[in-house]
Amino acid sequence: MVWEYFKQQWIEPSLESFLNEIHSVQQGLSHRPLRPDSAQHQEFIRQLKVRIQELERQFPHLKFD
Protein backbone atom coordinates (compact mmCIF):
# COMPACT_ATOMS: atom_id res chain seq x y z
CA MET A 1 0.00 0.00 0.00
CA VAL A 2 2.80 2.42 0.80
CA TRP A 3 4.52 1.57 -2.48
CA GLU A 4 1.29 2.17 -4.44
CA TYR A 5 0.83 5.57 -2.79
CA PHE A 6 4.46 6.48 -3.46
CA LYS A 7 4.13 5.47 -7.13
CA GLN A 8 0.96 7.52 -7.59
CA GLN A 9 2.50 10.60 -6.02
CA TRP A 10 6.06 10.56 -7.28
CA ILE A 11 6.50 8.29 -10.30
CA GLU A 12 5.42 9.26 -13.79
CA PRO A 13 3.16 6.75 -15.58
CA SER A 14 5.81 6.12 -18.26
CA LEU A 15 8.35 5.23 -15.58
CA GLU A 16 5.84 3.00 -13.83
CA SER A 17 5.40 1.06 -17.08
CA PHE A 18 9.18 0.68 -17.33
CA LEU A 19 9.43 -0.52 -13.72
CA ASN A 20 6.67 -3.06 -14.33
CA GLU A 21 8.49 -4.40 -17.40
CA ILE A 22 11.77 -4.68 -15.47
CA HIS A 23 9.99 -6.53 -12.67
CA SER A 24 8.34 -8.89 -15.15
CA VAL A 25 11.67 -9.66 -16.85
CA GLN A 26 13.33 -10.28 -13.48
CA GLN A 27 10.56 -12.71 -12.57
CA GLY A 28 11.03 -14.46 -15.89
CA LEU A 29 14.76 -14.78 -15.30
CA SER A 30 14.20 -16.35 -11.89
CA HIS A 31 11.60 -18.82 -13.20
CA ARG A 32 12.58 -22.46 -12.79
CA PRO A 33 10.65 -24.67 -15.23
CA LEU A 34 9.38 -28.14 -14.53
CA ARG A 35 10.10 -29.14 -18.14
CA PRO A 36 12.95 -27.02 -19.50
CA ASP A 37 12.99 -28.90 -22.81
CA SER A 38 9.31 -28.31 -23.59
CA ALA A 39 8.29 -26.22 -26.59
CA GLN A 40 6.36 -23.87 -24.30
CA HIS A 41 9.40 -23.16 -22.19
CA GLN A 42 11.60 -22.64 -25.24
CA GLU A 43 9.07 -20.09 -26.54
CA PHE A 44 8.99 -18.42 -23.11
CA ILE A 45 12.79 -18.11 -23.19
CA ARG A 46 12.73 -16.75 -26.76
CA GLN A 47 10.17 -14.08 -25.83
CA LEU A 48 12.09 -13.20 -22.67
CA LYS A 49 15.28 -12.69 -24.70
CA VAL A 50 13.42 -10.40 -27.11
CA ARG A 51 12.09 -8.33 -24.20
CA ILE A 52 15.57 -8.08 -22.69
CA GLN A 53 17.10 -7.03 -26.01
CA GLU A 54 14.46 -4.34 -26.43
CA LEU A 55 15.06 -2.99 -22.92
CA GLU A 56 18.83 -2.98 -23.46
CA ARG A 57 18.34 -1.21 -26.79
CA GLN A 58 16.17 1.48 -25.21
CA PHE A 59 18.33 1.78 -22.11
CA PRO A 60 21.95 0.83 -22.97
CA HIS A 61 23.05 1.18 -19.34
CA LEU A 62 20.85 -1.80 -18.36
CA LYS A 63 22.51 -5.20 -18.32
CA PHE A 64 20.74 -8.50 -17.72
CA ASP A 65 23.65 -10.87 -17.18
PDB file of N, CA and C in Angstrom:
ATOM      1  N   MET A   1       0.818  -1.188   0.000  1.00  0.00           N
ATOM      2  CA  MET A   1       0.000   0.000   0.000  1.00  0.00           C
ATOM      3  C   MET A   1       0.867   1.259   0.000  1.00  0.00           C
ATOM      4  N   VAL A   2       1.911   1.264   0.767  1.00  0.00           N
ATOM      5  CA  VAL A   2       2.801   2.420   0.801  1.00  0.00           C
ATOM      6  C   VAL A   2       3.452   2.604  -0.570  1.00  0.00           C
ATOM      7  N   TRP A   3       3.894   1.487  -1.169  1.00  0.00           N
ATOM      8  CA  TRP A   3       4.519   1.567  -2.484  1.00  0.00           C
ATOM      9  C   TRP A   3       3.539   2.121  -3.516  1.00  0.00           C
ATOM     10  N   GLU A   4       2.296   1.681  -3.490  1.00  0.00           N
ATOM     11  CA  GLU A   4       1.290   2.172  -4.435  1.00  0.00           C
ATOM     12  C   GLU A   4       1.080   3.675  -4.266  1.00  0.00           C
ATOM     13  N   TYR A   5       0.991   4.137  -3.046  1.00  0.00           N
ATOM     14  CA  TYR A   5       0.831   5.569  -2.787  1.00  0.00           C
ATOM     15  C   TYR A   5       2.047   6.337  -3.303  1.00  0.00           C
ATOM     16  N   PHE A   6       3.230   5.827  -3.006  1.00  0.00           N
ATOM     17  CA  PHE A   6       4.456   6.475  -3.461  1.00  0.00           C
ATOM     18  C   PHE A   6       4.475   6.569  -4.986  1.00  0.00           C
ATOM     19  N   LYS A   7       4.136   5.472  -5.663  1.00  0.00           N
ATOM     20  CA  LYS A   7       4.128   5.475  -7.129  1.00  0.00           C
ATOM     21  C   LYS A   7       3.150   6.507  -7.673  1.00  0.00           C
ATOM     22  N   GLN A   8       1.975   6.572  -7.105  1.00  0.00           N
ATOM     23  CA  GLN A   8       0.964   7.516  -7.585  1.00  0.00           C
ATOM     24  C   GLN A   8       1.415   8.960  -7.407  1.00  0.00           C
ATOM     25  N   GLN A   9       2.112   9.236  -6.329  1.00  0.00           N
ATOM     26  CA  GLN A   9       2.497  10.603  -6.018  1.00  0.00           C
ATOM     27  C   GLN A   9       3.783  11.049  -6.709  1.00  0.00           C
ATOM     28  N   TRP A  10       4.729  10.140  -6.891  1.00  0.00           N
ATOM     29  CA  TRP A  10       6.064  10.561  -7.285  1.00  0.00           C
ATOM     30  C   TRP A  10       6.599   9.965  -8.583  1.00  0.00           C
ATOM     31  N   ILE A  11       5.965   8.949  -9.107  1.00  0.00           N
ATOM     32  CA  ILE A  11       6.498   8.288 -10.298  1.00  0.00           C
ATOM     33  C   ILE A  11       5.584   8.536 -11.487  1.00  0.00           C
ATOM     34  N   GLU A  12       6.179   9.001 -12.572  1.00  0.00           N
ATOM     35  CA  GLU A  12       5.418   9.260 -13.785  1.00  0.00           C
ATOM     36  C   GLU A  12       4.887   7.945 -14.355  1.00  0.00           C
ATOM     37  N   PRO A  13       3.729   7.978 -15.004  1.00  0.00           N
ATOM     38  CA  PRO A  13       3.160   6.748 -15.578  1.00  0.00           C
ATOM     39  C   PRO A  13       4.113   6.032 -16.540  1.00  0.00           C
ATOM     40  N   SER A  14       4.876   6.771 -17.330  1.00  0.00           N
ATOM     41  CA  SER A  14       5.811   6.122 -18.260  1.00  0.00           C
ATOM     42  C   SER A  14       6.902   5.364 -17.500  1.00  0.00           C
ATOM     43  N   LEU A  15       7.353   5.911 -16.396  1.00  0.00           N
ATOM     44  CA  LEU A  15       8.354   5.233 -15.584  1.00  0.00           C
ATOM     45  C   LEU A  15       7.748   4.021 -14.887  1.00  0.00           C
ATOM     46  N   GLU A  16       6.508   4.135 -14.475  1.00  0.00           N
ATOM     47  CA  GLU A  16       5.841   2.999 -13.833  1.00  0.00           C
ATOM     48  C   GLU A  16       5.755   1.824 -14.803  1.00  0.00           C
ATOM     49  N   SER A  17       5.450   2.104 -16.056  1.00  0.00           N
ATOM     50  CA  SER A  17       5.401   1.059 -17.078  1.00  0.00           C
ATOM     51  C   SER A  17       6.768   0.392 -17.227  1.00  0.00           C
ATOM     52  N   PHE A  18       7.813   1.189 -17.243  1.00  0.00           N
ATOM     53  CA  PHE A  18       9.179   0.682 -17.331  1.00  0.00           C
ATOM     54  C   PHE A  18       9.501  -0.201 -16.122  1.00  0.00           C
ATOM     55  N   LEU A  19       9.165   0.259 -14.934  1.00  0.00           N
ATOM     56  CA  LEU A  19       9.427  -0.521 -13.720  1.00  0.00           C
ATOM     57  C   LEU A  19       8.677  -1.847 -13.741  1.00  0.00           C
ATOM     58  N   ASN A  20       7.444  -1.823 -14.233  1.00  0.00           N
ATOM     59  CA  ASN A  20       6.665  -3.059 -14.333  1.00  0.00           C
ATOM     60  C   ASN A  20       7.314  -4.038 -15.303  1.00  0.00           C
ATOM     61  N   GLU A  21       7.828  -3.536 -16.419  1.00  0.00           N
ATOM     62  CA  GLU A  21       8.491  -4.402 -17.400  1.00  0.00           C
ATOM     63  C   GLU A  21       9.772  -4.990 -16.817  1.00  0.00           C
ATOM     64  N   ILE A  22      10.547  -4.187 -16.123  1.00  0.00           N
ATOM     65  CA  ILE A  22      11.772  -4.680 -15.472  1.00  0.00           C
ATOM     66  C   ILE A  22      11.422  -5.777 -14.465  1.00  0.00           C
ATOM     67  N   HIS A  23      10.409  -5.536 -13.671  1.00  0.00           N
ATOM     68  CA  HIS A  23       9.985  -6.525 -12.674  1.00  0.00           C
ATOM     69  C   HIS A  23       9.559  -7.827 -13.351  1.00  0.00           C
ATOM     70  N   SER A  24       8.802  -7.712 -14.423  1.00  0.00           N
ATOM     71  CA  SER A  24       8.340  -8.889 -15.151  1.00  0.00           C
ATOM     72  C   SER A  24       9.514  -9.678 -15.730  1.00  0.00           C
ATOM     73  N   VAL A  25      10.488  -8.989 -16.295  1.00  0.00           N
ATOM     74  CA  VAL A  25      11.669  -9.659 -16.846  1.00  0.00           C
ATOM     75  C   VAL A  25      12.455 -10.340 -15.724  1.00  0.00           C
ATOM     76  N   GLN A  26      12.610  -9.680 -14.606  1.00  0.00           N
ATOM     77  CA  GLN A  26      13.334 -10.281 -13.481  1.00  0.00           C
ATOM     78  C   GLN A  26      12.628 -11.545 -12.994  1.00  0.00           C
ATOM     79  N   GLN A  27      11.308 -11.512 -12.956  1.00  0.00           N
ATOM     80  CA  GLN A  27      10.565 -12.710 -12.566  1.00  0.00           C
ATOM     81  C   GLN A  27      10.793 -13.827 -13.580  1.00  0.00           C
ATOM     82  N   GLY A  28      10.785 -13.472 -14.855  1.00  0.00           N
ATOM     83  CA  GLY A  28      11.035 -14.464 -15.894  1.00  0.00           C
ATOM     84  C   GLY A  28      12.418 -15.082 -15.771  1.00  0.00           C
ATOM     85  N   LEU A  29      13.405 -14.271 -15.453  1.00  0.00           N
ATOM     86  CA  LEU A  29      14.764 -14.778 -15.298  1.00  0.00           C
ATOM     87  C   LEU A  29      14.901 -15.710 -14.100  1.00  0.00           C
ATOM     88  N   SER A  30      14.106 -15.499 -13.078  1.00  0.00           N
ATOM     89  CA  SER A  30      14.205 -16.347 -11.886  1.00  0.00           C
ATOM     90  C   SER A  30      13.298 -17.576 -11.963  1.00  0.00           C
ATOM     91  N   HIS A  31      12.517 -17.682 -13.028  1.00  0.00           N
ATOM     92  CA  HIS A  31      11.599 -18.816 -13.196  1.00  0.00           C
ATOM     93  C   HIS A  31      12.384 -20.115 -13.367  1.00  0.00           C
ATOM     94  N   ARG A  32      11.965 -21.142 -12.676  1.00  0.00           N
ATOM     95  CA  ARG A  32      12.578 -22.464 -12.795  1.00  0.00           C
ATOM     96  C   ARG A  32      11.521 -23.425 -13.339  1.00  0.00           C
ATOM     97  N   PRO A  33      11.683 -23.845 -14.594  1.00  0.00           N
ATOM     98  CA  PRO A  33      10.654 -24.668 -15.234  1.00  0.00           C
ATOM     99  C   PRO A  33      10.654 -26.112 -14.748  1.00  0.00           C
ATOM    100  N   LEU A  34       9.481 -26.717 -14.826  1.00  0.00           N
ATOM    101  CA  LEU A  34       9.382 -28.144 -14.530  1.00  0.00           C
ATOM    102  C   LEU A  34       9.901 -28.964 -15.709  1.00  0.00           C
ATOM    103  N   ARG A  35       9.661 -28.447 -16.920  1.00  0.00           N
ATOM    104  CA  ARG A  35      10.103 -29.143 -18.135  1.00  0.00           C
ATOM    105  C   ARG A  35      10.887 -28.162 -19.017  1.00  0.00           C
ATOM    106  N   PRO A  36      12.161 -28.008 -18.758  1.00  0.00           N
ATOM    107  CA  PRO A  36      12.947 -27.018 -19.500  1.00  0.00           C
ATOM    108  C   PRO A  36      13.075 -27.309 -20.992  1.00  0.00           C
ATOM    109  N   ASP A  37      12.864 -28.547 -21.397  1.00  0.00           N
ATOM    110  CA  ASP A  37      12.989 -28.896 -22.810  1.00  0.00           C
ATOM    111  C   ASP A  37      11.683 -28.772 -23.580  1.00  0.00           C
ATOM    112  N   SER A  38      10.611 -28.395 -22.909  1.00  0.00           N
ATOM    113  CA  SER A  38       9.313 -28.308 -23.585  1.00  0.00           C
ATOM    114  C   SER A  38       9.285 -27.147 -24.574  1.00  0.00           C
ATOM    115  N   ALA A  39       8.447 -27.277 -25.578  1.00  0.00           N
ATOM    116  CA  ALA A  39       8.291 -26.221 -26.588  1.00  0.00           C
ATOM    117  C   ALA A  39       7.784 -24.935 -25.945  1.00  0.00           C
ATOM    118  N   GLN A  40       6.899 -25.058 -24.976  1.00  0.00           N
ATOM    119  CA  GLN A  40       6.358 -23.875 -24.305  1.00  0.00           C
ATOM    120  C   GLN A  40       7.455 -23.107 -23.579  1.00  0.00           C
ATOM    121  N   HIS A  41       8.324 -23.840 -22.912  1.00  0.00           N
ATOM    122  CA  HIS A  41       9.398 -23.161 -22.187  1.00  0.00           C
ATOM    123  C   HIS A  41      10.392 -22.530 -23.162  1.00  0.00           C
ATOM    124  N   GLN A  42      10.686 -23.208 -24.239  1.00  0.00           N
ATOM    125  CA  GLN A  42      11.598 -22.642 -25.238  1.00  0.00           C
ATOM    126  C   GLN A  42      11.024 -21.349 -25.817  1.00  0.00           C
ATOM    127  N   GLU A  43       9.718 -21.310 -26.047  1.00  0.00           N
ATOM    128  CA  GLU A  43       9.070 -20.089 -26.539  1.00  0.00           C
ATOM    129  C   GLU A  43       9.113 -18.995 -25.468  1.00  0.00           C
ATOM    130  N   PHE A  44       8.902 -19.370 -24.228  1.00  0.00           N
ATOM    131  CA  PHE A  44       8.992 -18.424 -23.114  1.00  0.00           C
ATOM    132  C   PHE A  44      10.381 -17.785 -23.075  1.00  0.00           C
ATOM    133  N   ILE A  45      11.409 -18.601 -23.209  1.00  0.00           N
ATOM    134  CA  ILE A  45      12.791 -18.107 -23.194  1.00  0.00           C
ATOM    135  C   ILE A  45      13.038 -17.188 -24.390  1.00  0.00           C
ATOM    136  N   ARG A  46      12.549 -17.573 -25.563  1.00  0.00           N
ATOM    137  CA  ARG A  46      12.733 -16.750 -26.756  1.00  0.00           C
ATOM    138  C   ARG A  46      12.102 -15.373 -26.561  1.00  0.00           C
ATOM    139  N   GLN A  47      10.866 -15.354 -26.058  1.00  0.00           N
ATOM    140  CA  GLN A  47      10.175 -14.081 -25.828  1.00  0.00           C
ATOM    141  C   GLN A  47      10.873 -13.249 -24.753  1.00  0.00           C
ATOM    142  N   LEU A  48      11.370 -13.900 -23.737  1.00  0.00           N
ATOM    143  CA  LEU A  48      12.090 -13.196 -22.672  1.00  0.00           C
ATOM    144  C   LEU A  48      13.360 -12.539 -23.225  1.00  0.00           C
ATOM    145  N   LYS A  49      14.071 -13.255 -24.088  1.00  0.00           N
ATOM    146  CA  LYS A  49      15.277 -12.688 -24.701  1.00  0.00           C
ATOM    147  C   LYS A  49      14.944 -11.474 -25.559  1.00  0.00           C
ATOM    148  N   VAL A  50      13.842 -11.538 -26.287  1.00  0.00           N
ATOM    149  CA  VAL A  50      13.420 -10.402 -27.113  1.00  0.00           C
ATOM    150  C   VAL A  50      13.114  -9.196 -26.225  1.00  0.00           C
ATOM    151  N   ARG A  51      12.410  -9.421 -25.133  1.00  0.00           N
ATOM    152  CA  ARG A  51      12.085  -8.331 -24.205  1.00  0.00           C
ATOM    153  C   ARG A  51      13.351  -7.725 -23.611  1.00  0.00           C
ATOM    154  N   ILE A  52      14.309  -8.565 -23.246  1.00  0.00           N
ATOM    155  CA  ILE A  52      15.573  -8.081 -22.689  1.00  0.00           C
ATOM    156  C   ILE A  52      16.330  -7.267 -23.727  1.00  0.00           C
ATOM    157  N   GLN A  53      16.403  -7.766 -24.944  1.00  0.00           N
ATOM    158  CA  GLN A  53      17.103  -7.033 -26.006  1.00  0.00           C
ATOM    159  C   GLN A  53      16.464  -5.671 -26.242  1.00  0.00           C
ATOM    160  N   GLU A  54      15.152  -5.613 -26.221  1.00  0.00           N
ATOM    161  CA  GLU A  54      14.456  -4.343 -26.427  1.00  0.00           C
ATOM    162  C   GLU A  54      14.754  -3.369 -25.281  1.00  0.00           C
ATOM    163  N   LEU A  55      14.729  -3.851 -24.057  1.00  0.00           N
ATOM    164  CA  LEU A  55      15.057  -2.986 -22.916  1.00  0.00           C
ATOM    165  C   LEU A  55      16.499  -2.490 -23.001  1.00  0.00           C
ATOM    166  N   GLU A  56      17.425  -3.381 -23.360  1.00  0.00           N
ATOM    167  CA  GLU A  56      18.827  -2.980 -23.465  1.00  0.00           C
ATOM    168  C   GLU A  56      19.045  -2.020 -24.632  1.00  0.00           C
ATOM    169  N   ARG A  57      18.247  -2.139 -25.677  1.00  0.00           N
ATOM    170  CA  ARG A  57      18.342  -1.208 -26.794  1.00  0.00           C
ATOM    171  C   ARG A  57      17.852   0.176 -26.373  1.00  0.00           C
ATOM    172  N   GLN A  58      16.733   0.208 -25.654  1.00  0.00           N
ATOM    173  CA  GLN A  58      16.165   1.478 -25.209  1.00  0.00           C
ATOM    174  C   GLN A  58      17.000   2.128 -24.109  1.00  0.00           C
ATOM    175  N   PHE A  59      17.584   1.295 -23.276  1.00  0.00           N
ATOM    176  CA  PHE A  59      18.335   1.779 -22.115  1.00  0.00           C
ATOM    177  C   PHE A  59      19.684   1.057 -22.073  1.00  0.00           C
ATOM    178  N   PRO A  60      20.669   1.531 -22.838  1.00  0.00           N
ATOM    179  CA  PRO A  60      21.955   0.827 -22.965  1.00  0.00           C
ATOM    180  C   PRO A  60      22.687   0.584 -21.641  1.00  0.00           C
ATOM    181  N   HIS A  61      22.382   1.366 -20.625  1.00  0.00           N
ATOM    182  CA  HIS A  61      23.054   1.176 -19.336  1.00  0.00           C
ATOM    183  C   HIS A  61      22.532  -0.049 -18.585  1.00  0.00           C
ATOM    184  N   LEU A  62      21.393  -0.605 -19.003  1.00  0.00           N
ATOM    185  CA  LEU A  62      20.848  -1.802 -18.355  1.00  0.00           C
ATOM    186  C   LEU A  62      21.580  -3.038 -18.856  1.00  0.00           C
ATOM    187  N   LYS A  63      21.870  -3.938 -17.955  1.00  0.00           N
ATOM    188  CA  LYS A  63      22.506  -5.197 -18.322  1.00  0.00           C
ATOM    189  C   LYS A  63      21.815  -6.320 -17.566  1.00  0.00           C
ATOM    190  N   PHE A  64      21.369  -7.310 -18.301  1.00  0.00           N
ATOM    191  CA  PHE A  64      20.745  -8.495 -17.716  1.00  0.00           C
ATOM    192  C   PHE A  64      21.697  -9.663 -17.929  1.00  0.00           C
ATOM    193  N   ASP A  65      22.658  -9.802 -17.047  1.00  0.00           N
ATOM    194  CA  ASP A  65      23.653 -10.873 -17.184  1.00  0.00           C
ATOM    195  C   ASP A  65      23.186 -12.134 -16.510  1.00  0.00           C
TER     196      ASP A  65
END
